[in-house]
Amino acid sequence: MGNWAVNEGLSIFVILVWLGLNVFLFVHYYLLYDTSKEYIYTRKLLGSALALARAPAACLNFNCMLILLPVCRNLLSFLRGSSAIHTIAHLFNVEWCVNARVNNSDPYSIALSDIGDKPNETYLNFVRQRIKNPEGGLYVAVTRLAGITGVVITLCLILIITSSTKTIRRSYFEVFWYTHHLFVIFFIGLAIHGAERIVRRQTPKSLLVHDPKACAQNISQWGKIKDCPIPEFAGNPPMTWKWIVGPMFLYLCERLVRFWRSQQKVVITKVVTHPFKTIELQMKKKGFRMEVGQYIFVKCPAVSKLEWHPFTLTSAPEEDFFSIHIRIVGDWTEGLFKACGCDKQEFQDAWKLPKIAVDGPFGTASEDVFSYEVVMLVGAGIGVTPFASILKSVWYKYCNNATNLRLKKIYFYWLCRDTHAFEWFADLLQLLETQMQERNNAGFLSYNIYLTGWDESQANHFAVHHDEEKDVITGLKQKTLYGRPNWDNEFKTIASQHPTTRIGVFLCGPEALAETLNKQCISNSDSSPRGVHFIFNKENF
């Protein structure tokens, strides 16, 4: 657990398998529709657009099966590409089919499209009305099930993809939240999209008496000679439901479990208002068990009956409550702030506090912190919150039974633009600092706070107080630093102090910082099995 090389190698393997399966499905179905005997007349009518529509459709089915089970990080992007190819190819299919019905095509396509007009004949061209384009194409789109569902699921996919951008998620979370629930309509439409069976082929029974390779060039003689009777056609049975029924069932089971857990009573035991509009909710729930670094989903029906928001747990498993810290930065958090009475000066009675639903907890990489003797904890901005739980739990374990605690040394790095929004965390560090000194083990926790948003003039203003006993910004004995860490020096220093140790590196921060630390872990790990090894673990916020 926690081995970066194994995890990264597994991720690459999964992605390669996923890509390989997509390539296999595309090639297999492309060749099936482009070379198979039963589709000769369908290809005569639709040309290359037949294979170009059906091959991406197979990839769509496969990826829609996976999209409920988050396997590949690039799944949505691939889904968008394959969906576009499938849609464009079908637009050409519709145009050509409509043109063939109004005699605006080659004689062969017109003749194939006329099959089915007489009694006891089965049609190949699914367009039966003789309406010219563009009206004919629009008529198909609004009157045929495949056209209606195709438009609906395309619109749903466009809305889901566009609302997934970082700007929308961060600034308009409600838009992101509600549009993503269009996936229900998307999957219903997807499941019935092929029910009309508009993609048709020659039936196996007809192939026995009508060989398209022999009869294809004698279309004027069909039905007049014994060896070339009028061919019979049938639609392909719908396949998408077979791909998605399993994941949909698992997803439904998960939703039922989440619903059951969300109905369990949660009691808010304490609401603490911290500076700069940050509140702390301390709660209790029967049977609730957590590990360090985990997170929960929270719903407040008084604010929104549908919205669930994730928050990292800041309490320790050893405490008799669980807590989260919430910074007021949007409509939902503002609503929760007011619902808890934090906008009022008077004391709020417990029975007036809003009802809260909690789902979780859910695990993260931070749970592995106790499997190492030495760890580096790196939190950037709000990414510092998982480490509140870790540091508290370390302290409880240290106080109760320090001899059995495998973890012997913590290097903690906190990178933030300013500390004002996280004064509650600085207070926690101050408490740990004091208690460690009282136990004569101040070296157990080494920490560095970097203010990345300050310029040189601001830094110089506070530099005059550098010789004071405590830092003038945080109140800690460890002085605040300005700028960004020199990670190369930090890793080399730690490696020299622990030359034969597996060191866990845990990050909660942006992707750019993750890449930097990942490279440092690799470059500063010893090639010898007995040397120092940095094991990288990360989670995103």
Protein backbone atom coordinates (compact mmCIF):
# COMPACT_ATOMS: atom_id res chain seq x y z
CA MET A 1 0.00 0.00 0.00
CA GLY A 2 1.14 3.49 -0.77
CA ASN A 3 3.92 2.45 -3.12
CA TRP A 4 3.98 5.12 -5.78
CA ALA A 5 5.79 3.02 -8.38
CA VAL A 6 3.26 0.19 -8.07
CA ASN A 7 0.28 2.55 -8.12
CA GLU A 8 1.58 4.53 -11.09
CA GLY A 9 2.49 1.36 -12.96
CA LEU A 10 -0.97 -0.05 -12.30
CA SER A 11 -2.57 3.17 -13.55
CA ILE A 12 -0.57 3.04 -16.78
CA PHE A 13 -1.47 -0.63 -17.22
CA VAL A 14 -5.19 0.08 -16.74
CA ILE A 15 -5.06 2.95 -19.25
CA LEU A 16 -3.25 0.78 -21.81
CA VAL A 17 -5.78 -2.03 -21.36
CA TRP A 18 -8.61 0.49 -21.75
CA LEU A 19 -7.09 1.95 -24.91
CA GLY A 20 -6.41 -1.55 -26.26
CA LEU A 21 -10.02 -2.61 -25.72
CA ASN A 22 -11.28 0.54 -27.45
CA VAL A 23 -8.99 -0.05 -30.42
CA PHE A 24 -10.08 -3.70 -30.60
CA LEU A 25 -13.79 -2.80 -30.49
CA PHE A 26 -13.39 -0.09 -33.13
CA VAL A 27 -11.41 -2.29 -35.53
CA HIS A 28 -13.57 -5.36 -34.97
CA TYR A 29 -16.88 -3.59 -35.62
CA TYR A 30 -15.48 -1.47 -38.43
CA LEU A 31 -14.38 -4.62 -40.27
CA LEU A 32 -17.68 -6.35 -39.44
CA TYR A 33 -19.76 -3.61 -41.07
CA ASP A 34 -17.24 -2.91 -43.84
CA THR A 35 -16.58 -6.46 -45.03
CA SER A 36 -19.38 -8.72 -43.79
CA LYS A 37 -21.54 -10.35 -46.47
CA GLU A 38 -24.83 -9.56 -44.76
CA TYR A 39 -24.13 -5.80 -44.93
CA ILE A 40 -23.24 -5.61 -48.64
CA TYR A 41 -26.51 -3.94 -49.61
CA THR A 42 -26.48 -1.71 -46.54
CA ARG A 43 -23.01 -0.50 -47.60
CA LYS A 44 -24.30 0.06 -51.12
CA LEU A 45 -26.90 2.41 -49.64
CA LEU A 46 -24.88 4.12 -46.89
CA GLY A 47 -21.29 3.80 -48.06
CA SER A 48 -18.40 4.19 -45.59
CA ALA A 49 -20.61 6.07 -43.12
CA LEU A 50 -22.10 2.74 -42.02
CA ALA A 51 -18.85 1.44 -40.53
CA LEU A 52 -17.89 4.92 -39.27
CA ALA A 53 -21.17 5.09 -37.34
CA ARG A 54 -21.21 1.56 -35.94
CA ALA A 55 -17.55 1.25 -34.86
CA PRO A 56 -17.66 4.34 -32.58
CA ALA A 57 -21.06 3.13 -31.34
CA ALA A 58 -19.37 -0.01 -30.00
CA CYS A 59 -16.79 2.18 -28.22
CA LEU A 60 -19.61 4.34 -26.88
CA ASN A 61 -21.35 1.28 -25.40
CA PHE A 62 -18.14 0.11 -23.77
CA ASN A 63 -17.28 3.53 -22.32
CA CYS A 64 -20.81 4.22 -21.14
CA MET A 65 -20.54 0.95 -19.25
CA LEU A 66 -17.32 2.20 -17.63
CA ILE A 67 -18.40 5.77 -16.97
CA LEU A 68 -20.35 4.71 -13.88
CA LEU A 69 -17.22 2.92 -12.64
CA PRO A 70 -14.41 5.54 -12.71
CA VAL A 71 -11.63 3.49 -14.28
CA CYS A 72 -9.92 5.90 -16.70
CA ARG A 73 -9.21 9.58 -16.10
CA ASN A 74 -9.59 10.38 -19.81
CA LEU A 75 -12.88 8.53 -20.22
CA LEU A 76 -15.10 11.57 -20.67
CA SER A 77 -12.77 13.06 -23.28
CA PHE A 78 -12.73 9.78 -25.24
CA LEU A 79 -16.52 9.52 -24.92
CA ARG A 80 -16.84 13.01 -26.36
CA GLY A 81 -14.68 12.10 -29.37
CA SER A 82 -16.36 8.79 -30.18
CA SER A 83 -19.80 10.37 -29.74
CA ALA A 84 -18.90 13.10 -32.24
CA ILE A 85 -17.77 10.59 -34.87
CA HIS A 86 -20.90 8.49 -34.33
CA THR A 87 -23.21 11.52 -34.62
CA ILE A 88 -21.54 12.98 -37.72
CA ALA A 89 -21.58 9.61 -39.50
CA HIS A 90 -25.29 9.19 -38.79
CA LEU A 91 -26.02 12.68 -40.13
CA PHE A 92 -24.53 11.55 -43.45
CA ASN A 93 -26.53 8.31 -43.22
CA VAL A 94 -29.80 10.21 -42.82
CA GLU A 95 -28.99 12.59 -45.65
CA TRP A 96 -28.16 9.77 -48.05
CA CYS A 97 -31.21 7.72 -47.06
CA VAL A 98 -33.55 10.70 -47.54
CA ASN A 99 -31.99 11.54 -50.93
CA ALA A 100 -32.38 7.93 -52.09
CA ARG A 101 -36.11 7.99 -51.26
CA VAL A 102 -36.72 11.13 -53.33
CA ASN A 103 -34.72 9.79 -56.32
CA ASN A 104 -31.85 12.23 -55.69
CA SER A 105 -29.14 9.56 -55.64
CA ASP A 106 -27.54 6.93 -57.81
CA PRO A 107 -29.84 4.36 -59.48
CA TYR A 108 -28.57 1.53 -57.28
CA SER A 109 -29.37 3.32 -54.01
CA ILE A 110 -32.78 4.34 -55.37
CA ALA A 111 -33.56 0.73 -56.30
CA LEU A 112 -32.50 -0.53 -52.86
CA SER A 113 -34.63 2.14 -51.19
CA ASP A 114 -37.71 1.11 -53.18
CA ILE A 115 -37.57 -2.38 -51.69
CA GLY A 116 -40.31 -2.58 -49.10
CA ASP A 117 -42.87 -0.49 -50.99
CA LYS A 118 -44.66 -3.61 -52.23
CA PRO A 119 -46.59 -6.05 -50.00
CA ASN A 120 -44.59 -8.89 -48.41
CA GLU A 121 -41.29 -7.04 -48.90
CA THR A 122 -38.99 -5.99 -46.08
CA TYR A 123 -37.28 -2.61 -46.39
CA LEU A 124 -33.58 -1.75 -46.21
CA ASN A 125 -33.84 2.05 -46.14
CA PHE A 126 -35.44 3.05 -42.83
CA VAL A 127 -36.66 6.35 -44.36
CA ARG A 128 -40.09 5.57 -45.82
CA GLN A 129 -41.51 9.04 -46.47
CA ARG A 130 -40.57 10.84 -49.67
CA ILE A 131 -39.64 14.30 -48.31
CA LYS A 132 -36.68 16.24 -49.67
CA ASN A 133 -33.79 17.47 -47.52
CA PRO A 134 -33.46 19.38 -45.26
CA GLU A 135 -37.11 18.87 -44.29
CA GLY A 136 -36.76 15.11 -44.74
CA GLY A 137 -33.81 14.91 -42.36
CA LEU A 138 -35.58 17.05 -39.75
CA TYR A 139 -38.67 14.86 -40.13
CA VAL A 140 -36.58 11.79 -39.28
CA ALA A 141 -35.01 13.58 -36.29
CA VAL A 142 -38.35 14.50 -34.70
CA THR A 143 -40.51 11.49 -35.63
CA ARG A 144 -38.22 8.47 -35.27
CA LEU A 145 -37.19 7.16 -31.86
CA ALA A 146 -33.53 6.98 -32.88
CA GLY A 147 -33.64 10.64 -33.99
CA ILE A 148 -35.37 11.91 -30.87
CA THR A 149 -33.16 9.99 -28.43
CA GLY A 150 -30.05 10.88 -30.46
CA VAL A 151 -30.79 14.60 -30.12
CA VAL A 152 -31.61 14.27 -26.41
CA ILE A 153 -28.51 12.29 -25.41
CA THR A 154 -26.25 14.56 -27.52
CA LEU A 155 -27.62 17.65 -25.76
CA CYS A 156 -27.21 15.95 -22.37
CA LEU A 157 -23.60 15.05 -23.16
CA ILE A 158 -22.81 18.58 -24.34
CA LEU A 159 -24.24 20.09 -21.14
CA ILE A 160 -22.43 17.57 -18.92
CA ILE A 161 -19.07 18.13 -20.63
CA THR A 162 -19.27 21.93 -20.74
CA SER A 163 -20.30 22.14 -17.08
CA SER A 164 -17.31 19.98 -16.10
CA THR A 165 -14.84 22.79 -16.72
CA LYS A 166 -12.85 24.01 -13.75
CA THR A 167 -14.40 27.49 -13.91
CA ILE A 168 -17.96 26.16 -13.72
CA ARG A 169 -17.14 23.68 -10.94
CA ARG A 170 -15.44 26.29 -8.77
CA SER A 171 -17.65 29.32 -9.43
CA TYR A 172 -21.06 27.83 -10.27
CA PHE A 173 -21.14 24.52 -8.47
CA GLU A 174 -24.95 24.35 -8.57
CA VAL A 175 -24.84 24.43 -12.39
CA PHE A 176 -22.27 21.63 -12.37
CA TRP A 177 -24.31 19.62 -9.84
CA TYR A 178 -27.68 19.80 -11.57
CA THR A 179 -26.46 19.34 -15.15
CA HIS A 180 -24.55 16.21 -14.17
CA HIS A 181 -27.80 14.61 -13.06
CA LEU A 182 -28.81 14.67 -16.72
CA PHE A 183 -26.87 11.40 -16.86
CA VAL A 184 -30.13 9.69 -15.87
CA ILE A 185 -31.83 10.97 -19.04
CA PHE A 186 -28.66 10.24 -21.00
CA PHE A 187 -28.60 6.56 -20.04
CA ILE A 188 -32.35 6.07 -20.51
CA GLY A 189 -32.08 7.58 -23.99
CA LEU A 190 -28.98 5.51 -24.71
CA ALA A 191 -30.69 2.26 -23.66
CA ILE A 192 -33.65 2.76 -26.06
CA HIS A 193 -31.73 4.53 -28.83
CA GLY A 194 -31.48 1.38 -30.96
CA ALA A 195 -34.95 -0.01 -30.22
CA GLU A 196 -36.28 0.92 -33.70
CA ARG A 197 -33.52 -1.12 -35.37
CA ILE A 198 -32.94 1.38 -38.17
CA VAL A 199 -29.55 -0.13 -39.10
CA ARG A 200 -30.61 -3.13 -41.17
CA ARG A 201 -28.92 -6.12 -42.78
CA GLN A 202 -29.81 -9.06 -44.99
CA THR A 203 -31.24 -11.91 -42.93
CA PRO A 204 -29.38 -15.25 -42.64
CA LYS A 205 -32.35 -17.02 -44.23
CA SER A 206 -32.26 -14.67 -47.22
CA LEU A 207 -28.50 -15.17 -47.61
CA LEU A 208 -29.11 -18.89 -48.26
CA VAL A 209 -31.19 -18.17 -51.40
CA HIS A 210 -29.84 -14.76 -52.42
CA ASP A 211 -26.05 -14.45 -52.56
CA PRO A 212 -25.25 -10.71 -52.68
CA LYS A 213 -21.85 -11.35 -54.24
CA ALA A 214 -23.53 -13.04 -57.20
CA CYS A 215 -26.68 -10.91 -57.40
CA ALA A 216 -25.38 -7.44 -56.58
CA GLN A 217 -24.74 -6.52 -60.23
CA ASN A 218 -28.13 -7.82 -61.47
CA ILE A 219 -30.50 -5.69 -59.41
CA SER A 220 -32.92 -5.32 -62.34
CA GLN A 221 -33.36 -9.12 -62.39
CA TRP A 222 -34.18 -9.53 -58.70
CA GLY A 223 -37.40 -11.46 -58.30
CA LYS A 224 -37.35 -12.48 -61.95
CA ILE A 225 -34.70 -15.21 -61.81
CA LYS A 226 -34.58 -18.14 -59.40
CA ASP A 227 -31.10 -17.48 -57.97
CA CYS A 228 -31.80 -13.83 -57.13
CA PRO A 229 -35.14 -13.45 -55.33
CA ILE A 230 -35.96 -10.15 -53.61
CA PRO A 231 -33.68 -10.08 -50.55
CA GLU A 232 -35.15 -9.86 -47.07
CA PHE A 233 -33.85 -7.46 -44.44
CA ALA A 234 -34.10 -7.11 -40.66
CA GLY A 235 -32.87 -4.59 -38.13
CA ASN A 236 -30.04 -5.23 -35.69
CA PRO A 237 -31.33 -5.92 -32.16
CA PRO A 238 -30.49 -3.18 -29.62
CA MET A 239 -27.21 -3.92 -27.83
CA THR A 240 -26.51 -0.92 -25.57
CA TRP A 241 -28.69 -2.13 -22.69
CA LYS A 242 -26.55 -5.27 -22.44
CA TRP A 243 -23.46 -3.12 -21.86
CA ILE A 244 -24.93 -0.79 -19.25
CA VAL A 245 -27.40 -2.93 -17.28
CA GLY A 246 -24.66 -4.32 -14.99
CA PRO A 247 -23.09 -0.98 -14.01
CA MET A 248 -26.54 0.61 -13.71
CA PHE A 249 -27.57 -2.12 -11.28
CA LEU A 250 -24.39 -1.63 -9.21
CA TYR A 251 -24.89 2.13 -9.27
CA LEU A 252 -28.50 1.73 -8.14
CA CYS A 253 -27.36 -0.50 -5.26
CA GLU A 254 -24.78 2.12 -4.27
CA ARG A 255 -27.41 4.86 -4.34
CA LEU A 256 -29.69 2.77 -2.13
CA VAL A 257 -26.85 2.25 0.37
CA ARG A 258 -26.05 5.97 0.31
CA PHE A 259 -29.72 6.81 0.80
CA TRP A 260 -29.94 4.44 3.77
CA ARG A 261 -26.81 5.93 5.34
CA SER A 262 -28.00 9.47 4.72
CA GLN A 263 -31.20 8.77 6.65
CA GLN A 264 -29.29 7.91 9.83
CA LYS A 265 -29.54 10.63 12.43
CA VAL A 266 -26.69 13.12 12.70
CA VAL A 267 -26.46 15.44 15.70
CA ILE A 268 -24.52 18.70 15.54
CA THR A 269 -22.93 18.93 18.98
CA LYS A 270 -20.99 22.14 18.46
CA VAL A 271 -20.58 24.96 15.96
CA VAL A 272 -17.36 26.97 16.19
CA THR A 273 -16.94 30.22 14.28
CA HIS A 274 -13.33 30.82 13.22
CA PRO A 275 -11.89 34.05 11.78
CA PHE A 276 -12.39 34.96 8.14
CA LYS A 277 -15.74 33.19 7.75
CA THR A 278 -14.62 29.66 8.51
CA ILE A 279 -16.91 27.47 10.63
CA GLU A 280 -16.27 24.15 12.31
CA LEU A 281 -19.08 21.62 12.69
CA GLN A 282 -18.63 18.96 15.35
CA MET A 283 -21.08 16.09 14.90
CA LYS A 284 -22.03 12.64 16.18
CA LYS A 285 -23.62 9.75 14.33
CA LYS A 286 -24.34 6.25 15.64
CA GLY A 287 -21.89 3.69 14.31
CA PHE A 288 -19.70 6.29 12.59
CA ARG A 289 -16.09 5.10 12.24
CA MET A 290 -13.35 7.01 10.48
CA GLU A 291 -9.67 6.86 9.65
CA VAL A 292 -7.28 9.77 9.25
CA GLY A 293 -7.51 11.82 6.07
CA GLN A 294 -10.95 10.56 5.06
CA TYR A 295 -13.79 12.71 3.75
CA ILE A 296 -17.59 12.77 3.89
CA PHE A 297 -20.44 14.13 1.79
CA VAL A 298 -22.74 16.54 3.57
CA LYS A 299 -26.29 17.62 2.74
CA CYS A 300 -28.25 20.30 4.56
CA PRO A 301 -31.94 20.09 3.50
CA ALA A 302 -32.55 23.58 4.90
CA VAL A 303 -30.16 24.92 2.25
CA SER A 304 -30.78 22.45 -0.59
CA LYS A 305 -32.70 19.17 -0.60
CA LEU A 306 -30.56 17.69 -3.38
CA GLU A 307 -27.00 19.00 -3.11
CA TRP A 308 -24.24 16.93 -1.49
CA HIS A 309 -20.84 18.54 -0.92
CA PRO A 310 -17.55 16.80 0.01
CA PHE A 311 -15.56 17.89 3.06
CA THR A 312 -12.39 16.48 4.57
CA LEU A 313 -12.68 15.27 8.16
CA THR A 314 -10.52 17.35 10.48
CA SER A 315 -11.11 15.31 13.62
CA ALA A 316 -9.11 12.29 14.74
CA PRO A 317 -10.48 8.72 15.02
CA GLU A 318 -9.66 8.82 18.73
CA GLU A 319 -12.13 11.68 19.38
CA ASP A 320 -15.75 10.99 20.35
CA PHE A 321 -17.05 13.23 17.54
CA PHE A 322 -16.22 13.95 13.93
CA SER A 323 -15.70 17.42 12.55
CA ILE A 324 -15.31 19.37 9.34
CA HIS A 325 -14.09 22.91 8.67
CA ILE A 326 -16.03 24.89 6.07
CA ARG A 327 -14.88 28.13 4.50
CA ILE A 328 -17.75 30.34 3.35
CA VAL A 329 -17.06 30.88 -0.36
CA GLY A 330 -20.34 30.23 -2.22
CA ASP A 331 -24.13 30.17 -2.09
CA TRP A 332 -24.41 26.77 -0.42
CA THR A 333 -21.80 27.47 2.27
CA GLU A 334 -23.33 30.91 2.83
CA GLY A 335 -26.71 29.25 3.33
CA LEU A 336 -25.23 26.77 5.80
CA PHE A 337 -23.47 29.62 7.63
CA LYS A 338 -26.81 31.38 8.15
CA ALA A 339 -28.74 28.18 8.92
CA CYS A 340 -26.33 27.48 11.78
CA GLY A 341 -26.93 30.99 13.14
CA CYS A 342 -23.32 32.04 12.61
CA ASP A 343 -24.44 35.39 11.23
CA LYS A 344 -26.01 36.29 14.59
CA GLN A 345 -24.34 37.56 17.74
CA GLU A 346 -26.51 35.71 20.27
CA PHE A 347 -26.02 32.11 21.35
CA GLN A 348 -27.79 29.55 19.16
CA ASP A 349 -29.78 26.80 20.91
CA ALA A 350 -28.90 23.26 19.82
CA TRP A 351 -32.49 22.42 18.84
CA LYS A 352 -32.49 25.32 16.37
CA LEU A 353 -29.52 23.96 14.42
CA PRO A 354 -30.38 22.56 10.97
CA LYS A 355 -30.66 18.86 10.19
CA ILE A 356 -27.59 17.44 8.50
CA ALA A 357 -27.27 14.27 6.39
CA VAL A 358 -23.86 12.60 6.13
CA ASP A 359 -22.64 9.98 3.68
CA GLY A 360 -19.30 8.32 4.26
CA PRO A 361 -16.57 8.33 5.31
CA PHE A 362 -14.58 7.54 2.18
CA GLY A 363 -10.89 6.69 2.06
CA THR A 364 -7.89 8.47 0.60
CA ALA A 365 -4.16 7.83 0.28
CA SER A 366 -3.56 9.62 3.60
CA GLU A 367 -4.73 6.55 5.50
CA ASP A 368 -1.33 4.94 4.87
CA VAL A 369 0.61 7.54 6.86
CA PHE A 370 1.08 5.21 9.85
CA SER A 371 2.77 2.52 7.76
CA TYR A 372 5.99 4.60 7.57
CA GLU A 373 8.63 5.55 10.13
CA VAL A 374 9.23 8.90 8.45
CA VAL A 375 6.70 10.97 6.48
CA MET A 376 6.64 14.25 4.60
CA LEU A 377 3.23 15.91 4.68
CA VAL A 378 2.70 18.67 2.11
CA GLY A 379 -0.48 20.74 2.11
CA ALA A 380 -1.16 23.57 -0.32
CA GLY A 381 -3.83 26.11 0.61
CA ILE A 382 -7.06 24.36 1.54
CA GLY A 383 -5.23 21.06 0.95
CA VAL A 384 -3.96 21.37 4.51
CA THR A 385 -7.26 20.10 5.96
CA PRO A 386 -6.57 16.31 5.71
CA PHE A 387 -3.45 16.78 7.79
CA ALA A 388 -5.42 18.20 10.73
CA SER A 389 -6.87 14.74 11.25
CA ILE A 390 -3.49 13.09 10.79
CA LEU A 391 -1.63 15.35 13.22
CA LYS A 392 -4.35 15.02 15.86
CA SER A 393 -4.36 11.23 15.56
CA VAL A 394 -0.55 11.12 15.73
CA TRP A 395 -0.70 13.11 18.92
CA TYR A 396 -3.31 10.84 20.51
CA LYS A 397 -1.36 7.72 19.57
CA TYR A 398 1.86 9.28 20.83
CA CYS A 399 0.33 10.19 24.19
CA ASN A 400 -1.37 6.84 24.76
CA ASN A 401 1.28 4.39 23.60
CA ALA A 402 4.31 5.98 21.97
CA THR A 403 6.36 2.76 22.04
CA ASN A 404 3.99 0.98 19.63
CA LEU A 405 3.82 3.91 17.22
CA ARG A 406 5.81 3.08 14.10
CA LEU A 407 5.86 6.70 12.98
CA LYS A 408 8.93 8.38 14.47
CA LYS A 409 9.33 11.60 12.51
CA ILE A 410 7.03 14.03 10.66
CA TYR A 411 8.15 16.73 8.25
CA PHE A 412 5.21 19.00 7.60
CA TYR A 413 5.06 21.69 4.88
CA TRP A 414 2.21 24.14 4.55
CA LEU A 415 2.13 26.35 1.45
CA CYS A 416 -0.49 29.10 1.39
CA ARG A 417 -0.98 32.62 0.09
CA ASP A 418 -1.80 33.82 3.61
CA THR A 419 -2.61 32.12 6.91
CA HIS A 420 -5.63 34.22 7.88
CA ALA A 421 -8.20 31.86 6.38
CA PHE A 422 -6.67 28.91 8.22
CA GLU A 423 -5.99 30.36 11.66
CA TRP A 424 -7.75 27.35 13.15
CA PHE A 425 -4.97 25.15 11.75
CA ALA A 426 -2.24 27.43 13.07
CA ASP A 427 -3.92 27.07 16.48
CA LEU A 428 -3.70 23.28 16.16
CA LEU A 429 0.02 23.49 15.30
CA GLN A 430 0.59 25.76 18.30
CA LEU A 431 -1.10 23.23 20.60
CA LEU A 432 0.97 20.35 19.22
CA GLU A 433 4.14 22.40 19.46
CA THR A 434 3.52 23.20 23.13
CA GLN A 435 2.63 19.63 24.09
CA MET A 436 5.62 18.13 22.27
CA GLN A 437 7.93 20.49 24.14
CA GLU A 438 6.33 19.54 27.45
CA ARG A 439 7.16 15.90 26.66
CA ASN A 440 10.74 16.78 25.68
CA ASN A 441 10.23 15.57 22.14
CA ALA A 442 10.08 18.76 20.12
CA GLY A 443 11.97 17.07 17.27
CA PHE A 444 9.14 14.61 16.55
CA LEU A 445 7.35 17.21 14.40
CA SER A 446 9.24 19.55 12.10
CA TYR A 447 7.11 21.99 10.19
CA ASN A 448 7.58 24.85 7.79
CA ILE A 449 4.96 27.39 6.75
CA TYR A 450 5.54 29.18 3.44
CA LEU A 451 3.61 32.29 2.50
CA THR A 452 3.64 32.16 -1.31
CA GLY A 453 1.50 35.24 -1.94
CA TRP A 454 3.69 37.83 -0.23
CA ASP A 455 6.07 40.11 -2.07
CA GLU A 456 9.51 41.17 -0.83
CA SER A 457 8.32 44.42 0.77
CA GLN A 458 5.74 42.60 2.88
CA ALA A 459 8.30 39.97 3.88
CA ASN A 460 10.84 42.65 4.86
CA HIS A 461 8.24 44.38 7.02
CA PHE A 462 7.97 41.31 9.23
CA ALA A 463 11.63 40.34 8.98
CA VAL A 464 12.47 42.89 11.69
CA HIS A 465 10.63 40.67 14.16
CA HIS A 466 12.54 37.54 13.18
CA ASP A 467 14.52 37.42 16.44
CA GLU A 468 11.43 37.42 18.62
CA GLU A 469 10.58 34.20 20.47
CA LYS A 470 7.39 33.56 18.53
CA ASP A 471 6.38 34.26 14.95
CA VAL A 472 4.35 37.49 14.75
CA ILE A 473 1.97 36.02 12.14
CA THR A 474 1.18 32.52 13.45
CA GLY A 475 2.26 32.73 17.09
CA LEU A 476 4.40 29.62 16.58
CA LYS A 477 8.03 29.22 17.61
CA GLN A 478 8.85 28.13 14.06
CA LYS A 479 9.24 31.25 11.94
CA THR A 480 7.12 31.72 8.81
CA LEU A 481 9.05 31.56 5.53
CA TYR A 482 8.32 33.50 2.35
CA GLY A 483 8.20 32.24 -1.21
CA ARG A 484 8.33 28.55 -2.11
CA PRO A 485 10.42 25.67 -0.76
CA ASN A 486 13.59 24.58 -2.50
CA TRP A 487 12.37 21.01 -2.84
CA ASP A 488 15.68 19.69 -4.07
CA ASN A 489 17.42 20.88 -0.90
CA GLU A 490 14.57 19.64 1.32
CA PHE A 491 14.62 16.13 -0.13
CA LYS A 492 18.40 15.87 -0.04
CA THR A 493 18.49 17.04 3.60
CA ILE A 494 15.84 14.55 4.68
CA ALA A 495 17.51 11.75 2.71
CA SER A 496 20.83 12.42 4.44
CA GLN A 497 19.16 12.23 7.87
CA HIS A 498 17.35 8.95 7.11
CA PRO A 499 19.69 7.08 4.74
CA THR A 500 18.10 3.59 4.97
CA THR A 501 14.43 4.49 5.39
CA ARG A 502 11.23 4.26 3.33
CA ILE A 503 9.81 7.78 3.56
CA GLY A 504 6.16 8.39 2.75
CA VAL A 505 5.48 11.64 0.90
CA PHE A 506 1.83 12.72 1.15
CA LEU A 507 0.46 15.64 -0.83
CA CYS A 508 -2.92 17.29 -0.94
CA GLY A 509 -2.55 20.00 -3.52
CA PRO A 510 -2.57 20.97 -7.21
CA GLU A 511 -1.34 18.79 -10.08
CA ALA A 512 1.69 20.99 -10.83
CA LEU A 513 3.02 20.52 -7.30
CA ALA A 514 2.30 16.79 -7.54
CA GLU A 515 4.51 16.53 -10.64
CA THR A 516 7.32 18.39 -8.87
CA LEU A 517 7.23 16.16 -5.78
CA ASN A 518 6.87 13.04 -7.90
CA LYS A 519 10.09 13.87 -9.77
CA GLN A 520 11.87 14.64 -6.50
CA CYS A 521 10.79 11.28 -5.06
CA ILE A 522 12.22 9.46 -8.05
CA SER A 523 15.47 11.42 -8.34
CA ASN A 524 16.25 11.26 -4.60
CA SER A 525 15.46 7.58 -4.08
CA ASP A 526 18.44 5.26 -3.88
CA SER A 527 18.85 2.56 -6.52
CA SER A 528 19.89 0.15 -3.78
CA PRO A 529 17.04 -1.72 -2.02
CA ARG A 530 18.62 -0.84 1.33
CA GLY A 531 18.94 2.87 0.60
CA VAL A 532 16.48 5.68 1.15
CA HIS A 533 13.25 5.51 -0.85
CA PHE A 534 10.62 8.25 -1.14
CA ILE A 535 7.14 6.83 -1.77
CA PHE A 536 4.77 9.38 -3.31
CA ASN A 537 1.05 9.51 -2.44
CA LYS A 538 -1.34 12.24 -3.53
CA GLU A 539 -4.94 13.32 -3.48
CA ASN A 540 -6.57 16.25 -5.25
CA PHE A 541 -8.87 18.83 -3.75
